[in-house]
Amino acid sequence: MAEGKHIAAKKRKGGRVEWSKVVCLLTILAGLLIVQECLFLMYLCIKSGYTATAAWLTAATGVGEAVIIAGANSYFALAKSDHKRGGITFEAAKAKNFQDNAEDGSNDSPAI
């Protein structure tokens, strides 16, 4: 039975990415794209002497930065809720009595 658990643990380590991480990454990349486009348009407008749009592009850059901040804050809030008492990660560790199974030999830290 222990062998079955070990094989199941290896399968879980396999590269399945959580959906919340994908959404967070896509949100941050969308914000970065908005900021880069605005900065490039500012460069083109200033280079051509049409500086009337600088204020609007500065505001649009702020919107892109707000998108980045909102994506990061929502992911950090999710991680915080998972790791406190009652969260998924905390309860899973509590069920195992906060012990890490170092079957792969990667546990180099001494016990506290």
PDB file of N, CA and C in Angstrom:
ATOM      1  N   MET A   1       0.817  -1.189   0.000  1.00  0.00           N
ATOM      2  CA  MET A   1       0.000   0.000   0.000  1.00  0.00           C
ATOM      3  C   MET A   1       0.867   1.260   0.000  1.00  0.00           C
ATOM      4  N   ALA A   2       1.991   1.223   0.707  1.00  0.00           N
ATOM      5  CA  ALA A   2       2.876   2.379   0.723  1.00  0.00           C
ATOM      6  C   ALA A   2       3.429   2.655  -0.667  1.00  0.00           C
ATOM      7  N   GLU A   3       3.651   1.589  -1.437  1.00  0.00           N
ATOM      8  CA  GLU A   3       4.144   1.764  -2.803  1.00  0.00           C
ATOM      9  C   GLU A   3       3.115   2.493  -3.655  1.00  0.00           C
ATOM     10  N   GLY A   4       1.849   2.179  -3.461  1.00  0.00           N
ATOM     11  CA  GLY A   4       0.782   2.842  -4.211  1.00  0.00           C
ATOM     12  C   GLY A   4       0.705   4.324  -3.906  1.00  0.00           C
ATOM     13  N   LYS A   5       0.907   4.690  -2.645  1.00  0.00           N
ATOM     14  CA  LYS A   5       0.903   6.105  -2.269  1.00  0.00           C
ATOM     15  C   LYS A   5       2.084   6.826  -2.911  1.00  0.00           C
ATOM     16  N   HIS A   6       3.234   6.157  -2.954  1.00  0.00           N
ATOM     17  CA  HIS A   6       4.423   6.768  -3.525  1.00  0.00           C
ATOM     18  C   HIS A   6       4.228   7.019  -5.024  1.00  0.00           C
ATOM     19  N   ILE A   7       3.623   6.071  -5.716  1.00  0.00           N
ATOM     20  CA  ILE A   7       3.376   6.241  -7.148  1.00  0.00           C
ATOM     21  C   ILE A   7       2.358   7.349  -7.374  1.00  0.00           C
ATOM     22  N   ALA A   8       1.333   7.409  -6.545  1.00  0.00           N
ATOM     23  CA  ALA A   8       0.327   8.462  -6.673  1.00  0.00           C
ATOM     24  C   ALA A   8       0.946   9.831  -6.412  1.00  0.00           C
ATOM     25  N   ALA A   9       1.878   9.911  -5.471  1.00  0.00           N
ATOM     26  CA  ALA A   9       2.538  11.184  -5.186  1.00  0.00           C
ATOM     27  C   ALA A   9       3.389  11.619  -6.369  1.00  0.00           C
ATOM     28  N   LYS A  10       4.041  10.672  -7.031  1.00  0.00           N
ATOM     29  CA  LYS A  10       4.841  11.016  -8.205  1.00  0.00           C
ATOM     30  C   LYS A  10       3.954  11.530  -9.336  1.00  0.00           C
ATOM     31  N   LYS A  11       2.778  10.939  -9.502  1.00  0.00           N
ATOM     32  CA  LYS A  11       1.873  11.384 -10.555  1.00  0.00           C
ATOM     33  C   LYS A  11       1.383  12.798 -10.280  1.00  0.00           C
ATOM     34  N   ARG A  12       1.130  13.137  -9.021  1.00  0.00           N
ATOM     35  CA  ARG A  12       0.652  14.472  -8.682  1.00  0.00           C
ATOM     36  C   ARG A  12       1.716  15.527  -8.904  1.00  0.00           C
ATOM     37  N   LYS A  13       2.978  15.172  -8.757  1.00  0.00           N
ATOM     38  CA  LYS A  13       4.051  16.144  -8.952  1.00  0.00           C
ATOM     39  C   LYS A  13       4.192  16.493 -10.426  1.00  0.00           C
ATOM     40  N   GLY A  14       3.581  15.783 -11.300  1.00  0.00           N
ATOM     41  CA  GLY A  14       3.646  15.887 -12.721  1.00  0.00           C
ATOM     42  C   GLY A  14       3.495  17.207 -13.382  1.00  0.00           C
ATOM     43  N   GLY A  15       3.212  18.136 -13.554  1.00  0.00           N
ATOM     44  CA  GLY A  15       3.221  19.470 -14.048  1.00  0.00           C
ATOM     45  C   GLY A  15       1.855  20.053 -14.214  1.00  0.00           C
ATOM     46  N   ARG A  16       0.941  19.600 -13.416  1.00  0.00           N
ATOM     47  CA  ARG A  16      -0.395  20.182 -13.503  1.00  0.00           C
ATOM     48  C   ARG A  16      -0.399  21.545 -12.823  1.00  0.00           C
ATOM     49  N   VAL A  17      -0.735  22.560 -13.575  1.00  0.00           N
ATOM     50  CA  VAL A  17      -0.714  23.925 -13.056  1.00  0.00           C
ATOM     51  C   VAL A  17      -2.111  24.288 -12.573  1.00  0.00           C
ATOM     52  N   GLU A  18      -2.176  24.914 -11.429  1.00  0.00           N
ATOM     53  CA  GLU A  18      -3.466  25.322 -10.868  1.00  0.00           C
ATOM     54  C   GLU A  18      -4.060  26.469 -11.681  1.00  0.00           C
ATOM     55  N   TRP A  19      -5.379  26.450 -11.815  1.00  0.00           N
ATOM     56  CA  TRP A  19      -6.076  27.443 -12.623  1.00  0.00           C
ATOM     57  C   TRP A  19      -5.882  28.849 -12.061  1.00  0.00           C
ATOM     58  N   SER A  20      -5.829  29.012 -10.750  1.00  0.00           N
ATOM     59  CA  SER A  20      -5.668  30.341 -10.161  1.00  0.00           C
ATOM     60  C   SER A  20      -4.324  30.958 -10.544  1.00  0.00           C
ATOM     61  N   LYS A  21      -3.296  30.128 -10.669  1.00  0.00           N
ATOM     62  CA  LYS A  21      -1.984  30.645 -11.085  1.00  0.00           C
ATOM     63  C   LYS A  21      -2.008  31.082 -12.537  1.00  0.00           C
ATOM     64  N   VAL A  22      -2.731  30.358 -13.373  1.00  0.00           N
ATOM     65  CA  VAL A  22      -2.836  30.719 -14.792  1.00  0.00           C
ATOM     66  C   VAL A  22      -3.583  32.044 -14.933  1.00  0.00           C
ATOM     67  N   VAL A  23      -4.686  32.196 -14.210  1.00  0.00           N
ATOM     68  CA  VAL A  23      -5.463  33.431 -14.277  1.00  0.00           C
ATOM     69  C   VAL A  23      -4.637  34.609 -13.780  1.00  0.00           C
ATOM     70  N   CYS A  24      -3.905  34.409 -12.702  1.00  0.00           N
ATOM     71  CA  CYS A  24      -3.053  35.472 -12.163  1.00  0.00           C
ATOM     72  C   CYS A  24      -1.982  35.871 -13.178  1.00  0.00           C
ATOM     73  N   LEU A  25      -1.339  34.891 -13.780  1.00  0.00           N
ATOM     74  CA  LEU A  25      -0.298  35.180 -14.767  1.00  0.00           C
ATOM     75  C   LEU A  25      -0.876  35.899 -15.979  1.00  0.00           C
ATOM     76  N   LEU A  26      -2.021  35.466 -16.479  1.00  0.00           N
ATOM     77  CA  LEU A  26      -2.639  36.121 -17.632  1.00  0.00           C
ATOM     78  C   LEU A  26      -3.056  37.550 -17.310  1.00  0.00           C
ATOM     79  N   THR A  27      -3.548  37.785 -16.098  1.00  0.00           N
ATOM     80  CA  THR A  27      -3.930  39.139 -15.697  1.00  0.00           C
ATOM     81  C   THR A  27      -2.716  40.052 -15.633  1.00  0.00           C
ATOM     82  N   ILE A  28      -1.649  39.559 -15.049  1.00  0.00           N
ATOM     83  CA  ILE A  28      -0.428  40.370 -14.954  1.00  0.00           C
ATOM     84  C   ILE A  28       0.156  40.630 -16.338  1.00  0.00           C
ATOM     85  N   LEU A  29       0.147  39.627 -17.206  1.00  0.00           N
ATOM     86  CA  LEU A  29       0.659  39.829 -18.573  1.00  0.00           C
ATOM     87  C   LEU A  29      -0.201  40.820 -19.348  1.00  0.00           C
ATOM     88  N   ALA A  30      -1.516  40.788 -19.150  1.00  0.00           N
ATOM     89  CA  ALA A  30      -2.389  41.760 -19.814  1.00  0.00           C
ATOM     90  C   ALA A  30      -2.068  43.173 -19.330  1.00  0.00           C
ATOM     91  N   GLY A  31      -1.840  43.328 -18.032  1.00  0.00           N
ATOM     92  CA  GLY A  31      -1.468  44.632 -17.499  1.00  0.00           C
ATOM     93  C   GLY A  31      -0.136  45.115 -18.045  1.00  0.00           C
ATOM     94  N   LEU A  32       0.827  44.203 -18.150  1.00  0.00           N
ATOM     95  CA  LEU A  32       2.124  44.583 -18.714  1.00  0.00           C
ATOM     96  C   LEU A  32       2.001  44.988 -20.182  1.00  0.00           C
ATOM     97  N   LEU A  33       1.146  44.304 -20.922  1.00  0.00           N
ATOM     98  CA  LEU A  33       0.934  44.647 -22.321  1.00  0.00           C
ATOM     99  C   LEU A  33       0.325  46.041 -22.451  1.00  0.00           C
ATOM    100  N   ILE A  34      -0.643  46.354 -21.602  1.00  0.00           N
ATOM    101  CA  ILE A  34      -1.255  47.691 -21.624  1.00  0.00           C
ATOM    102  C   ILE A  34      -0.209  48.760 -21.323  1.00  0.00           C
ATOM    103  N   VAL A  35       0.614  48.529 -20.310  1.00  0.00           N
ATOM    104  CA  VAL A  35       1.623  49.522 -19.918  1.00  0.00           C
ATOM    105  C   VAL A  35       2.652  49.702 -21.034  1.00  0.00           C
ATOM    106  N   GLN A  36       3.114  48.608 -21.631  1.00  0.00           N
ATOM    107  CA  GLN A  36       4.114  48.723 -22.697  1.00  0.00           C
ATOM    108  C   GLN A  36       3.555  49.436 -23.920  1.00  0.00           C
ATOM    109  N   GLU A  37       2.310  49.138 -24.291  1.00  0.00           N
ATOM    110  CA  GLU A  37       1.704  49.831 -25.428  1.00  0.00           C
ATOM    111  C   GLU A  37       1.579  51.323 -25.165  1.00  0.00           C
ATOM    112  N   CYS A  38       1.176  51.678 -23.949  1.00  0.00           N
ATOM    113  CA  CYS A  38       1.036  53.095 -23.610  1.00  0.00           C
ATOM    114  C   CYS A  38       2.380  53.809 -23.624  1.00  0.00           C
ATOM    115  N   LEU A  39       3.401  53.169 -23.088  1.00  0.00           N
ATOM    116  CA  LEU A  39       4.721  53.796 -23.085  1.00  0.00           C
ATOM    117  C   LEU A  39       5.259  53.947 -24.509  1.00  0.00           C
ATOM    118  N   PHE A  40       5.011  52.967 -25.364  1.00  0.00           N
ATOM    119  CA  PHE A  40       5.453  53.068 -26.757  1.00  0.00           C
ATOM    120  C   PHE A  40       4.693  54.180 -27.482  1.00  0.00           C
ATOM    121  N   LEU A  41       3.377  54.272 -27.240  1.00  0.00           N
ATOM    122  CA  LEU A  41       2.612  55.360 -27.861  1.00  0.00           C
ATOM    123  C   LEU A  41       3.068  56.718 -27.352  1.00  0.00           C
ATOM    124  N   MET A  42       3.423  56.821 -26.056  1.00  0.00           N
ATOM    125  CA  MET A  42       3.965  58.074 -25.531  1.00  0.00           C
ATOM    126  C   MET A  42       5.255  58.445 -26.246  1.00  0.00           C
ATOM    127  N   TYR A  43       6.113  57.462 -26.443  1.00  0.00           N
ATOM    128  CA  TYR A  43       7.375  57.707 -27.143  1.00  0.00           C
ATOM    129  C   TYR A  43       7.110  58.227 -28.550  1.00  0.00           C
ATOM    130  N   LEU A  44       6.187  57.592 -29.278  1.00  0.00           N
ATOM    131  CA  LEU A  44       5.883  58.030 -30.637  1.00  0.00           C
ATOM    132  C   LEU A  44       5.281  59.435 -30.660  1.00  0.00           C
ATOM    133  N   CYS A  45       4.393  59.726 -29.714  1.00  0.00           N
ATOM    134  CA  CYS A  45       3.768  61.049 -29.671  1.00  0.00           C
ATOM    135  C   CYS A  45       4.770  62.148 -29.328  1.00  0.00           C
ATOM    136  N   ILE A  46       5.647  61.878 -28.393  1.00  0.00           N
ATOM    137  CA  ILE A  46       6.645  62.877 -28.014  1.00  0.00           C
ATOM    138  C   ILE A  46       7.647  63.076 -29.141  1.00  0.00           C
ATOM    139  N   LYS A  47       8.022  61.995 -29.800  1.00  0.00           N
ATOM    140  CA  LYS A  47       8.982  62.071 -30.905  1.00  0.00           C
ATOM    141  C   LYS A  47       8.421  62.885 -32.072  1.00  0.00           C
ATOM    142  N   SER A  48       7.118  62.733 -32.326  1.00  0.00           N
ATOM    143  CA  SER A  48       6.508  63.455 -33.445  1.00  0.00           C
ATOM    144  C   SER A  48       6.020  64.851 -33.048  1.00  0.00           C
ATOM    145  N   GLY A  49       6.140  65.211 -31.773  1.00  0.00           N
ATOM    146  CA  GLY A  49       5.772  66.546 -31.335  1.00  0.00           C
ATOM    147  C   GLY A  49       4.313  66.688 -30.952  1.00  0.00           C
ATOM    148  N   TYR A  50       3.578  65.617 -30.914  1.00  0.00           N
ATOM    149  CA  TYR A  50       2.159  65.661 -30.555  1.00  0.00           C
ATOM    150  C   TYR A  50       2.023  65.265 -29.090  1.00  0.00           C
ATOM    151  N   THR A  51       2.243  66.223 -28.207  1.00  0.00           N
ATOM    152  CA  THR A  51       2.286  65.937 -26.775  1.00  0.00           C
ATOM    153  C   THR A  51       0.940  66.092 -26.081  1.00  0.00           C
ATOM    154  N   ALA A  52      -0.115  66.391 -26.825  1.00  0.00           N
ATOM    155  CA  ALA A  52      -1.426  66.596 -26.208  1.00  0.00           C
ATOM    156  C   ALA A  52      -1.988  65.296 -25.623  1.00  0.00           C
ATOM    157  N   THR A  53      -1.548  64.150 -26.110  1.00  0.00           N
ATOM    158  CA  THR A  53      -2.086  62.874 -25.630  1.00  0.00           C
ATOM    159  C   THR A  53      -1.306  62.314 -24.443  1.00  0.00           C
ATOM    160  N   ALA A  54      -0.277  63.002 -24.000  1.00  0.00           N
ATOM    161  CA  ALA A  54       0.560  62.478 -22.922  1.00  0.00           C
ATOM    162  C   ALA A  54      -0.240  62.259 -21.628  1.00  0.00           C
ATOM    163  N   ALA A  55      -1.151  63.150 -21.325  1.00  0.00           N
ATOM    164  CA  ALA A  55      -1.940  62.997 -20.097  1.00  0.00           C
ATOM    165  C   ALA A  55      -2.857  61.787 -20.187  1.00  0.00           C
ATOM    166  N   TRP A  56      -3.480  61.569 -21.338  1.00  0.00           N
ATOM    167  CA  TRP A  56      -4.356  60.414 -21.504  1.00  0.00           C
ATOM    168  C   TRP A  56      -3.572  59.114 -21.457  1.00  0.00           C
ATOM    169  N   LEU A  57      -2.409  59.096 -22.059  1.00  0.00           N
ATOM    170  CA  LEU A  57      -1.594  57.875 -22.044  1.00  0.00           C
ATOM    171  C   LEU A  57      -1.025  57.607 -20.656  1.00  0.00           C
ATOM    172  N   THR A  58      -0.754  58.655 -19.891  1.00  0.00           N
ATOM    173  CA  THR A  58      -0.308  58.470 -18.511  1.00  0.00           C
ATOM    174  C   THR A  58      -1.420  57.829 -17.688  1.00  0.00           C
ATOM    175  N   ALA A  59      -2.648  58.270 -17.892  1.00  0.00           N
ATOM    176  CA  ALA A  59      -3.783  57.676 -17.180  1.00  0.00           C
ATOM    177  C   ALA A  59      -3.959  56.208 -17.591  1.00  0.00           C
ATOM    178  N   ALA A  60      -3.789  55.915 -18.872  1.00  0.00           N
ATOM    179  CA  ALA A  60      -3.919  54.532 -19.342  1.00  0.00           C
ATOM    180  C   ALA A  60      -2.817  53.653 -18.757  1.00  0.00           C
ATOM    181  N   THR A  61      -1.632  54.203 -18.567  1.00  0.00           N
ATOM    182  CA  THR A  61      -0.556  53.452 -17.926  1.00  0.00           C
ATOM    183  C   THR A  61      -0.937  53.123 -16.485  1.00  0.00           C
ATOM    184  N   GLY A  62      -1.567  54.063 -15.807  1.00  0.00           N
ATOM    185  CA  GLY A  62      -2.046  53.815 -14.449  1.00  0.00           C
ATOM    186  C   GLY A  62      -3.096  52.716 -14.403  1.00  0.00           C
ATOM    187  N   VAL A  63      -3.944  52.634 -15.425  1.00  0.00           N
ATOM    188  CA  VAL A  63      -4.935  51.560 -15.494  1.00  0.00           C
ATOM    189  C   VAL A  63      -4.240  50.204 -15.648  1.00  0.00           C
ATOM    190  N   GLY A  64      -3.224  50.152 -16.495  1.00  0.00           N
ATOM    191  CA  GLY A  64      -2.464  48.908 -16.654  1.00  0.00           C
ATOM    192  C   GLY A  64      -1.802  48.483 -15.358  1.00  0.00           C
ATOM    193  N   GLU A  65      -1.253  49.439 -14.640  1.00  0.00           N
ATOM    194  CA  GLU A  65      -0.631  49.122 -13.357  1.00  0.00           C
ATOM    195  C   GLU A  65      -1.671  48.662 -12.337  1.00  0.00           C
ATOM    196  N   ALA A  66      -2.860  49.223 -12.395  1.00  0.00           N
ATOM    197  CA  ALA A  66      -3.930  48.798 -11.489  1.00  0.00           C
ATOM    198  C   ALA A  66      -4.353  47.363 -11.792  1.00  0.00           C
ATOM    199  N   VAL A  67      -4.355  46.991 -13.072  1.00  0.00           N
ATOM    200  CA  VAL A  67      -4.685  45.616 -13.450  1.00  0.00           C
ATOM    201  C   VAL A  67      -3.639  44.653 -12.886  1.00  0.00           C
ATOM    202  N   ILE A  68      -2.375  45.019 -12.985  1.00  0.00           N
ATOM    203  CA  ILE A  68      -1.298  44.181 -12.443  1.00  0.00           C
ATOM    204  C   ILE A  68      -1.454  44.025 -10.930  1.00  0.00           C
ATOM    205  N   ILE A  69      -1.698  45.117 -10.243  1.00  0.00           N
ATOM    206  CA  ILE A  69      -1.848  45.080  -8.785  1.00  0.00           C
ATOM    207  C   ILE A  69      -3.059  44.251  -8.379  1.00  0.00           C
ATOM    208  N   ALA A  70      -4.168  44.398  -9.101  1.00  0.00           N
ATOM    209  CA  ALA A  70      -5.379  43.637  -8.766  1.00  0.00           C
ATOM    210  C   ALA A  70      -5.151  42.141  -8.959  1.00  0.00           C
ATOM    211  N   GLY A  71      -4.458  41.753 -10.027  1.00  0.00           N
ATOM    212  CA  GLY A  71      -4.174  40.336 -10.255  1.00  0.00           C
ATOM    213  C   GLY A  71      -3.278  39.759  -9.178  1.00  0.00           C
ATOM    214  N   ALA A  72      -2.249  40.485  -8.795  1.00  0.00           N
ATOM    215  CA  ALA A  72      -1.332  39.999  -7.767  1.00  0.00           C
ATOM    216  C   ALA A  72      -2.023  39.950  -6.400  1.00  0.00           C
ATOM    217  N   ASN A  73      -2.806  40.983  -6.080  1.00  0.00           N
ATOM    218  CA  ASN A  73      -3.495  40.999  -4.783  1.00  0.00           C
ATOM    219  C   ASN A  73      -4.501  39.873  -4.657  1.00  0.00           C
ATOM    220  N   SER A  74      -5.220  39.574  -5.726  1.00  0.00           N
ATOM    221  CA  SER A  74      -6.213  38.502  -5.638  1.00  0.00           C
ATOM    222  C   SER A  74      -5.538  37.150  -5.451  1.00  0.00           C
ATOM    223  N   TYR A  75      -4.400  36.938  -6.109  1.00  0.00           N
ATOM    224  CA  TYR A  75      -3.702  35.667  -5.928  1.00  0.00           C
ATOM    225  C   TYR A  75      -3.112  35.562  -4.527  1.00  0.00           C
ATOM    226  N   PHE A  76      -2.547  36.651  -4.020  1.00  0.00           N
ATOM    227  CA  PHE A  76      -1.979  36.614  -2.669  1.00  0.00           C
ATOM    228  C   PHE A  76      -3.067  36.417  -1.619  1.00  0.00           C
ATOM    229  N   ALA A  77      -4.245  36.982  -1.843  1.00  0.00           N
ATOM    230  CA  ALA A  77      -5.362  36.769  -0.914  1.00  0.00           C
ATOM    231  C   ALA A  77      -5.786  35.304  -0.925  1.00  0.00           C
ATOM    232  N   LEU A  78      -5.793  34.692  -2.108  1.00  0.00           N
ATOM    233  CA  LEU A  78      -6.137  33.273  -2.201  1.00  0.00           C
ATOM    234  C   LEU A  78      -5.100  32.419  -1.475  1.00  0.00           C
ATOM    235  N   ALA A  79      -3.833  32.721  -1.667  1.00  0.00           N
ATOM    236  CA  ALA A  79      -2.776  31.959  -1.001  1.00  0.00           C
ATOM    237  C   ALA A  79      -2.847  32.141   0.518  1.00  0.00           C
ATOM    238  N   LYS A  80      -3.158  33.352   0.948  1.00  0.00           N
ATOM    239  CA  LYS A  80      -3.253  33.610   2.385  1.00  0.00           C
ATOM    240  C   LYS A  80      -4.415  32.835   3.003  1.00  0.00           C
ATOM    241  N   SER A  81      -5.543  32.761   2.302  1.00  0.00           N
ATOM    242  CA  SER A  81      -6.689  32.042   2.847  1.00  0.00           C
ATOM    243  C   SER A  81      -6.446  30.537   2.881  1.00  0.00           C
ATOM    244  N   ASP A  82      -5.645  30.026   1.949  1.00  0.00           N
ATOM    245  CA  ASP A  82      -5.330  28.602   1.941  1.00  0.00           C
ATOM    246  C   ASP A  82      -4.375  28.215   3.057  1.00  0.00           C
ATOM    247  N   HIS A  83      -3.531  29.130   3.497  1.00  0.00           N
ATOM    248  CA  HIS A  83      -2.478  28.792   4.438  1.00  0.00           C
ATOM    249  C   HIS A  83      -2.805  29.127   5.884  1.00  0.00           C
ATOM    250  N   LYS A  84      -3.958  29.729   6.139  1.00  0.00           N
ATOM    251  CA  LYS A  84      -4.317  29.984   7.534  1.00  0.00           C
ATOM    252  C   LYS A  84      -5.248  28.884   8.037  1.00  0.00           C
ATOM    253  N   ARG A  85      -5.542  28.904   9.300  1.00  0.00           N
ATOM    254  CA  ARG A  85      -6.371  27.867   9.908  1.00  0.00           C
ATOM    255  C   ARG A  85      -7.717  27.796   9.184  1.00  0.00           C
ATOM    256  N   GLY A  86      -8.070  26.601   8.753  1.00  0.00           N
ATOM    257  CA  GLY A  86      -9.301  26.400   8.008  1.00  0.00           C
ATOM    258  C   GLY A  86      -9.088  26.372   6.507  1.00  0.00           C
ATOM    259  N   GLY A  87      -7.892  26.722   6.052  1.00  0.00           N
ATOM    260  CA  GLY A  87      -7.592  26.699   4.622  1.00  0.00           C
ATOM    261  C   GLY A  87      -7.226  25.298   4.150  1.00  0.00           C
ATOM    262  N   ILE A  88      -7.214  25.111   2.855  1.00  0.00           N
ATOM    263  CA  ILE A  88      -6.981  23.795   2.279  1.00  0.00           C
ATOM    264  C   ILE A  88      -5.584  23.271   2.621  1.00  0.00           C
ATOM    265  N   THR A  89      -4.554  24.083   2.411  1.00  0.00           N
ATOM    266  CA  THR A  89      -3.180  23.644   2.653  1.00  0.00           C
ATOM    267  C   THR A  89      -2.938  23.395   4.134  1.00  0.00           C
ATOM    268  N   PHE A  90      -3.454  24.282   4.967  1.00  0.00           N
ATOM    269  CA  PHE A  90      -3.270  24.134   6.408  1.00  0.00           C
ATOM    270  C   PHE A  90      -3.928  22.851   6.906  1.00  0.00           C
ATOM    271  N   GLU A  91      -5.162  22.593   6.482  1.00  0.00           N
ATOM    272  CA  GLU A  91      -5.886  21.407   6.942  1.00  0.00           C
ATOM    273  C   GLU A  91      -5.229  20.119   6.439  1.00  0.00           C
ATOM    274  N   ALA A  92      -4.667  20.146   5.224  1.00  0.00           N
ATOM    275  CA  ALA A  92      -3.969  18.959   4.713  1.00  0.00           C
ATOM    276  C   ALA A  92      -2.723  18.678   5.543  1.00  0.00           C
ATOM    277  N   ALA A  93      -1.986  19.724   5.909  1.00  0.00           N
ATOM    278  CA  ALA A  93      -0.797  19.542   6.743  1.00  0.00           C
ATOM    279  C   ALA A  93      -1.179  19.100   8.150  1.00  0.00           C
ATOM    280  N   LYS A  94      -2.279  19.638   8.655  1.00  0.00           N
ATOM    281  CA  LYS A  94      -2.737  19.273   9.997  1.00  0.00           C
ATOM    282  C   LYS A  94      -3.157  17.805  10.028  1.00  0.00           C
ATOM    283  N   ALA A  95      -3.770  17.322   8.956  1.00  0.00           N
ATOM    284  CA  ALA A  95      -4.201  15.928   8.899  1.00  0.00           C
ATOM    285  C   ALA A  95      -3.002  14.981   8.930  1.00  0.00           C
ATOM    286  N   LYS A  96      -1.863  15.448   8.401  1.00  0.00           N
ATOM    287  CA  LYS A  96      -0.643  14.629   8.428  1.00  0.00           C
ATOM    288  C   LYS A  96       0.209  14.954   9.648  1.00  0.00           C
ATOM    289  N   ASN A  97      -0.373  15.653  10.638  1.00  0.00           N
ATOM    290  CA  ASN A  97       0.308  16.034  11.875  1.00  0.00           C
ATOM    291  C   ASN A  97       1.535  16.904  11.592  1.00  0.00           C
ATOM    292  N   PHE A  98       1.446  17.725  10.565  1.00  0.00           N
ATOM    293  CA  PHE A  98       2.489  18.661  10.164  1.00  0.00           C
ATOM    294  C   PHE A  98       3.826  17.974   9.894  1.00  0.00           C
ATOM    295  N   GLN A  99       3.785  16.733   9.449  1.00  0.00           N
ATOM    296  CA  GLN A  99       4.991  15.986   9.115  1.00  0.00           C
ATOM    297  C   GLN A  99       5.138  15.928   7.605  1.00  0.00           C
ATOM    298  N   ASP A 100       6.372  16.093   7.128  1.00  0.00           N
ATOM    299  CA  ASP A 100       6.657  16.017   5.699  1.00  0.00           C
ATOM    300  C   ASP A 100       7.240  14.645   5.411  1.00  0.00           C
ATOM    301  N   ASN A 101       6.656  13.942   4.465  1.00  0.00           N
ATOM    302  CA  ASN A 101       7.183  12.641   4.080  1.00  0.00           C
ATOM    303  C   ASN A 101       8.320  12.848   3.090  1.00  0.00           C
ATOM    304  N   ALA A 102       9.542  12.624   3.537  1.00  0.00           N
ATOM    305  CA  ALA A 102      10.717  12.845   2.695  1.00  0.00           C
ATOM    306  C   ALA A 102      11.141  11.540   2.041  1.00  0.00           C
ATOM    307  N   GLU A 103      10.270  10.964   1.220  1.00  0.00           N
ATOM    308  CA  GLU A 103      10.584   9.710   0.553  1.00  0.00           C
ATOM    309  C   GLU A 103      11.596   9.906  -0.561  1.00  0.00           C
ATOM    310  N   ASP A 104      11.655  11.120  -1.124  1.00  0.00           N
ATOM    311  CA  ASP A 104      12.578  11.352  -2.223  1.00  0.00           C
ATOM    312  C   ASP A 104      13.973  11.780  -1.729  1.00  0.00           C
ATOM    313  N   GLY A 105      14.170  11.903  -0.435  1.00  0.00           N
ATOM    314  CA  GLY A 105      15.475  12.214   0.126  1.00  0.00           C
ATOM    315  C   GLY A 105      15.823  13.704   0.043  1.00  0.00           C
ATOM    316  N   SER A 106      14.839  14.570  -0.151  1.00  0.00           N
ATOM    317  CA  SER A 106      15.126  15.990  -0.298  1.00  0.00           C
ATOM    318  C   SER A 106      14.957  16.766   1.005  1.00  0.00           C
ATOM    319  N   ASN A 107      14.706  16.102   2.105  1.00  0.00           N
ATOM    320  CA  ASN A 107      14.489  16.777   3.366  1.00  0.00           C
ATOM    321  C   ASN A 107      15.824  16.865   4.101  1.00  0.00           C
ATOM    322  N   ASP A 108      16.546  17.978   3.898  1.00  0.00           N
ATOM    323  CA  ASP A 108      17.861  18.154   4.511  1.00  0.00           C
ATOM    324  C   ASP A 108      17.804  18.927   5.819  1.00  0.00           C
ATOM    325  N   SER A 109      16.688  19.512   6.146  1.00  0.00           N
ATOM    326  CA  SER A 109      16.580  20.327   7.345  1.00  0.00           C
ATOM    327  C   SER A 109      16.470  19.451   8.593  1.00  0.00           C
ATOM    328  N   PRO A 110      17.143  19.841   9.666  1.00  0.00           N
ATOM    329  CA  PRO A 110      16.990  19.084  10.915  1.00  0.00           C
ATOM    330  C   PRO A 110      15.646  19.382  11.553  1.00  0.00           C
ATOM    331  N   ALA A 111      15.188  18.501  12.382  1.00  0.00           N
ATOM    332  CA  ALA A 111      13.920  18.694  13.088  1.00  0.00           C
ATOM    333  C   ALA A 111      14.056  19.805  14.104  1.00  0.00           C
ATOM    334  N   ILE A 112      13.000  20.549  14.287  1.00  0.00           N
ATOM    335  CA  ILE A 112      13.021  21.663  15.233  1.00  0.00           C
ATOM    336  C   ILE A 112      12.495  21.202  16.562  1.00  0.00           C
TER     337      ILE A 112
END
